[in-house]
Every structure is written in structure tokens, then in C-alpha cells.
Amino acid sequence: MHVDIHESWKPYLKEEFDKPYFKELVSFVKTEYKSQTCFPPGKQIFNAFNHCHFNDVKVVIIGQDPYHGYGQANGLCFSVNDGIPHPPSLINIFKEIETDLGISYPKSGNLMRWADQGVLLLNATLTVRAHQAGSHQKRGWEIFTDAVIKTISEKKKDIVFLLWGGYAKQKVKLINTHNHKILTSGHPSPLSANRGYWFGNKHFSKTNFLLEQVSQIPVQW
């Protein structure tokens, strides 16, 4: 696995790339991709960083694991490729945007357009084996993505962090809450959403309000 990450991130993450855990992770991922079907495609592993450059980050959304079905994962959390049916969590995200902002439900579940506006769509684990959820967890990815969150917290100001569900909420300990804004809610998965922990959180209008407060351009969700 070649670390194909945009230049803007390299000064901040270079130290991580040199650490023993990361070298072990690279070797594990290379072996997996050679011997198994894994997602996302190799060139898209660092898509979140390549579409959202360090200087442009203004919102961070934290997911857990890439989708593990064929053609779904494209390196951005919650996002799927054009033409792929929308997974349940993504459906609920779009439904909330619809009621929150009055934006009609989109055809494509590809969230590249968010990333290009400065929304870092970061999964805690960046790779997975086909049809085996969580199969690449605890191999080093979480150490790396925690370092990414910490770096953003330390080097930037006034970022809006969206922490959905129990797993993402644990990441609050990596964020300086004085310098950044944090919005939390239940996860958009049907289990949580149907219990009333997701719908009505208005995170999309709230995010735009917070961005406007610090003279940032709101996101076209």
C-alpha cells in the first residue's frame, strides 16, 4: 500500500507514517489486498484526505468502518459510489437533511461533493475485507485516525465535529472543546434512528450556523 495522501496533510502526519505501528499496518493491508477482496479499492483508501485538503477542513464527520459490499465504499464515511443503492444510515442522513433544510432527497449517495467543500468524512478504520465487517479493526488504523483527529484539534480552530453514535462520541477526548464546536446525536442507523436518537437533530442547519458565526462558507449539503 502506497500512502497516496494529498501533500497538504504530509507535514502534519509524516511522523505517524514513520512509526513502527504504521509500517506494520501498511504491510498487513498490502497482504490483505493481495490475498483477499478488500474495500475500498487501493487508490481510494485515502480519498477522505485527497478530496478534503488540510487547509480546507471545516467540518469533521466520524464513521467507524468502510462498507463491505461490492462497489459501495469509496474512502469517505457514509458515502457510496454513484449508482449504488443507498445504505440505511445514508438514507436516514438524507432524510434528516430533507426535513432540516428542505433540500430534496438526492439521487446519488456519493458524498464527494461534501468532501470537496471541506467536510472530512473520516472512518476510524480505512479498509475492510469483503463481507466481513470490522475485519481490519485493531490493526493500527484507529491509532492513525485518532492522530488525525488530534492534529486537526491542535493545529486548527473553529472546526465543527459531528459525533454520531457511541463510537464517535468516544473521540471527544481527542478534541479541544474550547477551540472547536462539537455536535452529538444518536447514530443514523435504523436501530438508533427509529428509537428517536437521530431524526430532528438538525445537525446540518446547526453546522452551517456555526460556520457562519466564524465567517466560513456554509456547506451545500
Protein backbone atom coordinates (compact mmCIF):
# COMPACT_ATOMS: atom_id res chain seq x y z
CA MET A 1 0.00 0.00 0.00
CA HIS A 2 1.49 3.28 -1.13
CA VAL A 3 0.38 6.11 1.19
CA ASP A 4 -1.30 8.10 -1.53
CA ILE A 5 -2.28 11.13 0.56
CA HIS A 6 -2.56 14.76 -0.51
CA GLU A 7 0.56 16.91 0.03
CA SER A 8 -1.28 19.26 2.42
CA TRP A 9 -1.51 16.51 5.06
CA LYS A 10 2.09 15.28 4.85
CA PRO A 11 3.79 17.85 7.13
CA TYR A 12 1.29 17.03 9.88
CA LEU A 13 1.20 13.23 9.51
CA LYS A 14 4.75 12.45 8.42
CA GLU A 15 5.70 11.39 11.97
CA GLU A 16 2.84 8.86 12.02
CA PHE A 17 3.99 7.32 8.73
CA ASP A 18 7.43 6.72 10.26
CA LYS A 19 6.16 4.94 13.38
CA PRO A 20 6.51 1.14 13.70
CA TYR A 21 2.74 0.59 14.07
CA PHE A 22 2.09 2.32 10.73
CA LYS A 23 4.72 0.27 8.92
CA GLU A 24 3.12 -2.90 10.32
CA LEU A 25 -0.31 -1.63 9.24
CA VAL A 26 0.93 -0.97 5.69
CA SER A 27 2.36 -4.45 5.45
CA PHE A 28 -0.88 -6.01 6.82
CA VAL A 29 -3.04 -4.06 4.36
CA LYS A 30 -0.79 -4.94 1.40
CA THR A 31 -1.01 -8.64 2.26
CA GLU A 32 -4.78 -8.48 2.70
CA TYR A 33 -5.32 -6.71 -0.62
CA LYS A 34 -3.17 -9.30 -2.40
CA SER A 35 -4.82 -12.36 -0.87
CA GLN A 36 -8.44 -11.20 -0.29
CA THR A 37 -11.04 -8.94 -1.81
CA CYS A 38 -10.90 -5.73 0.23
CA PHE A 39 -12.59 -2.34 0.11
CA PRO A 40 -12.31 0.44 -0.81
CA PRO A 41 -10.13 -0.01 -3.91
CA GLY A 42 -6.47 0.65 -3.05
CA LYS A 43 -6.33 4.02 -4.79
CA GLN A 44 -9.32 5.24 -2.74
CA ILE A 45 -8.11 4.32 0.76
CA PHE A 46 -7.09 7.93 1.46
CA ASN A 47 -9.91 9.55 -0.53
CA ALA A 48 -11.17 11.48 2.51
CA PHE A 49 -7.82 13.31 2.68
CA ASN A 50 -7.40 13.69 -1.06
CA HIS A 51 -10.75 15.41 -1.52
CA CYS A 52 -10.58 17.45 1.68
CA HIS A 53 -7.18 19.13 1.99
CA PHE A 54 -5.82 20.03 5.41
CA ASN A 55 -6.22 23.79 4.96
CA ASP A 56 -9.83 23.38 3.81
CA VAL A 57 -11.14 21.24 6.70
CA LYS A 58 -14.04 22.96 8.44
CA VAL A 59 -16.29 20.03 9.40
CA VAL A 60 -15.32 16.52 10.54
CA ILE A 61 -17.76 13.58 10.45
CA ILE A 62 -16.51 10.39 12.09
CA GLY A 63 -17.61 6.95 10.92
CA GLN A 64 -16.40 3.55 12.04
CA ASP A 65 -15.77 1.08 9.21
CA PRO A 66 -15.98 1.15 5.39
CA TYR A 67 -18.94 -0.56 3.71
CA HIS A 68 -18.01 -4.16 2.93
CA GLY A 69 -20.28 -4.87 -0.06
CA TYR A 70 -19.15 -4.73 -3.70
CA GLY A 71 -18.92 -1.29 -5.26
CA GLN A 72 -20.03 0.57 -2.12
CA ALA A 73 -17.02 2.01 -0.27
CA ASN A 74 -15.17 4.94 -1.83
CA GLY A 75 -12.98 6.05 1.06
CA LEU A 76 -15.44 8.55 2.57
CA CYS A 77 -17.51 7.59 5.61
CA PHE A 78 -21.23 7.03 4.92
CA SER A 79 -20.65 7.64 1.18
CA VAL A 80 -21.24 5.21 -1.69
CA ASN A 81 -20.35 5.40 -5.37
CA ASP A 82 -22.75 6.87 -7.91
CA GLY A 83 -25.45 4.42 -8.96
CA ILE A 84 -25.15 2.26 -5.81
CA PRO A 85 -28.30 1.85 -3.67
CA HIS A 86 -28.14 3.97 -0.54
CA PRO A 87 -27.38 2.03 2.68
CA PRO A 88 -29.84 2.52 5.59
CA SER A 89 -27.71 5.04 7.55
CA LEU A 90 -27.20 7.17 4.47
CA ILE A 91 -30.93 7.12 3.75
CA ASN A 92 -31.55 8.49 7.26
CA ILE A 93 -28.86 11.16 6.81
CA PHE A 94 -30.54 12.36 3.62
CA LYS A 95 -33.99 12.26 5.26
CA GLU A 96 -32.75 14.47 8.09
CA ILE A 97 -31.23 16.93 5.59
CA GLU A 98 -34.54 16.97 3.76
CA THR A 99 -36.55 17.93 6.86
CA ASP A 100 -33.84 20.16 8.36
CA LEU A 101 -33.01 22.21 5.27
CA GLY A 102 -35.79 21.45 2.79
CA ILE A 103 -33.27 20.01 0.32
CA SER A 104 -34.81 17.31 -1.85
CA TYR A 105 -33.53 13.74 -1.42
CA PRO A 106 -30.54 13.24 -3.79
CA LYS A 107 -30.18 10.57 -6.44
CA SER A 108 -26.53 9.81 -5.72
CA GLY A 109 -25.16 8.68 -2.37
CA ASN A 110 -21.68 9.89 -3.33
CA LEU A 111 -20.61 12.45 -0.73
CA MET A 112 -17.54 13.59 -2.68
CA ARG A 113 -19.24 16.96 -3.12
CA TRP A 114 -19.23 17.42 0.68
CA ALA A 115 -15.55 16.46 0.92
CA ASP A 116 -14.68 18.97 -1.80
CA GLN A 117 -16.27 21.69 0.36
CA GLY A 118 -14.13 20.96 3.42
CA VAL A 119 -16.05 18.15 5.14
CA LEU A 120 -13.60 15.46 6.27
CA LEU A 121 -15.53 12.17 6.09
CA LEU A 122 -13.27 10.08 8.27
CA ASN A 123 -13.77 6.41 9.06
CA ALA A 124 -11.85 5.20 12.13
CA THR A 125 -10.75 2.15 10.11
CA LEU A 126 -9.94 2.83 6.45
CA THR A 127 -10.08 -0.68 4.97
CA VAL A 128 -12.14 -3.88 5.32
CA ARG A 129 -12.41 -7.39 3.85
CA ALA A 130 -15.38 -8.05 1.59
CA HIS A 131 -18.47 -9.09 3.59
CA GLN A 132 -16.56 -9.13 6.89
CA ALA A 133 -17.49 -6.07 8.93
CA GLY A 134 -14.74 -4.93 11.28
CA SER A 135 -12.18 -7.32 9.81
CA HIS A 136 -9.43 -4.66 9.70
CA GLN A 137 -10.12 -3.15 13.11
CA LYS A 138 -7.42 -3.05 15.80
CA ARG A 139 -4.60 -3.35 13.25
CA GLY A 140 -3.40 0.23 13.59
CA TRP A 141 -5.90 2.27 11.62
CA GLU A 142 -7.54 3.61 14.80
CA ILE A 143 -4.18 4.85 16.10
CA PHE A 144 -3.66 6.68 12.83
CA THR A 145 -7.14 8.22 12.59
CA ASP A 146 -7.03 9.25 16.29
CA ALA A 147 -3.77 11.06 15.46
CA VAL A 148 -5.56 12.78 12.55
CA ILE A 149 -8.36 14.00 14.87
CA LYS A 150 -5.82 15.20 17.47
CA THR A 151 -3.79 17.01 14.79
CA ILE A 152 -6.86 18.82 13.47
CA SER A 153 -7.81 19.76 17.04
CA GLU A 154 -4.33 21.11 17.82
CA LYS A 155 -3.46 22.83 14.54
CA LYS A 156 -6.81 24.33 13.53
CA LYS A 157 -9.58 26.40 15.12
CA ASP A 158 -13.38 26.55 14.96
CA ILE A 159 -13.89 23.14 13.34
CA VAL A 160 -17.36 21.60 13.71
CA PHE A 161 -17.09 17.96 14.77
CA LEU A 162 -20.19 15.78 14.22
CA LEU A 163 -20.13 12.76 16.53
CA TRP A 164 -22.94 10.34 15.74
CA GLY A 165 -23.43 7.30 17.95
CA GLY A 166 -21.49 5.85 20.87
CA TYR A 167 -18.32 5.02 18.96
CA ALA A 168 -17.87 8.50 17.50
CA LYS A 169 -18.72 10.17 20.85
CA GLN A 170 -15.69 8.47 22.43
CA LYS A 171 -13.49 10.62 20.18
CA VAL A 172 -14.44 13.74 22.14
CA LYS A 173 -11.41 13.10 24.37
CA LEU A 174 -9.13 13.85 21.40
CA ILE A 175 -10.68 17.27 20.73
CA ASN A 176 -10.00 20.58 22.45
CA THR A 177 -13.58 21.63 23.23
CA HIS A 178 -12.56 25.26 23.85
CA ASN A 179 -11.29 25.73 20.30
CA HIS A 180 -13.89 23.72 18.40
CA LYS A 181 -17.62 23.04 18.28
CA ILE A 182 -18.98 19.54 18.86
CA LEU A 183 -22.46 18.33 17.92
CA THR A 184 -23.51 14.88 19.15
CA SER A 185 -26.53 12.69 18.49
CA GLY A 186 -27.52 9.07 18.05
CA HIS A 187 -26.23 7.20 15.02
CA PRO A 188 -28.25 7.45 11.78
CA SER A 189 -28.55 3.64 11.61
CA PRO A 190 -32.17 2.41 11.65
CA LEU A 191 -31.78 0.89 15.13
CA SER A 192 -30.86 4.22 16.70
CA ALA A 193 -32.89 6.46 14.36
CA ASN A 194 -36.11 4.53 14.92
CA ARG A 195 -35.69 4.91 18.67
CA GLY A 196 -35.68 8.67 18.26
CA TYR A 197 -31.96 9.33 18.70
CA TRP A 198 -31.27 10.68 15.20
CA PHE A 199 -34.18 12.41 13.48
CA GLY A 200 -34.65 16.04 14.43
CA ASN A 201 -31.03 16.65 15.48
CA LYS A 202 -30.83 19.45 12.88
CA HIS A 203 -27.07 18.96 12.68
CA PHE A 204 -26.89 20.26 9.12
CA SER A 205 -28.50 23.65 9.77
CA LYS A 206 -26.66 23.91 13.12
CA THR A 207 -23.32 23.22 11.41
CA ASN A 208 -23.96 25.93 8.85
CA PHE A 209 -24.98 28.37 11.59
CA LEU A 210 -21.73 27.66 13.49
CA LEU A 211 -19.66 28.07 10.30
CA GLU A 212 -21.30 31.41 9.56
CA GLN A 213 -20.51 32.57 13.12
CA VAL A 214 -16.79 32.25 12.29
CA SER A 215 -17.11 33.71 8.76
CA GLN A 216 -16.87 30.35 7.00
CA ILE A 217 -18.91 29.48 3.92
CA PRO A 218 -21.78 27.14 4.86
CA VAL A 219 -21.81 23.65 3.38
CA GLN A 220 -24.12 22.91 0.45
CA TRP A 221 -25.47 19.67 1.88
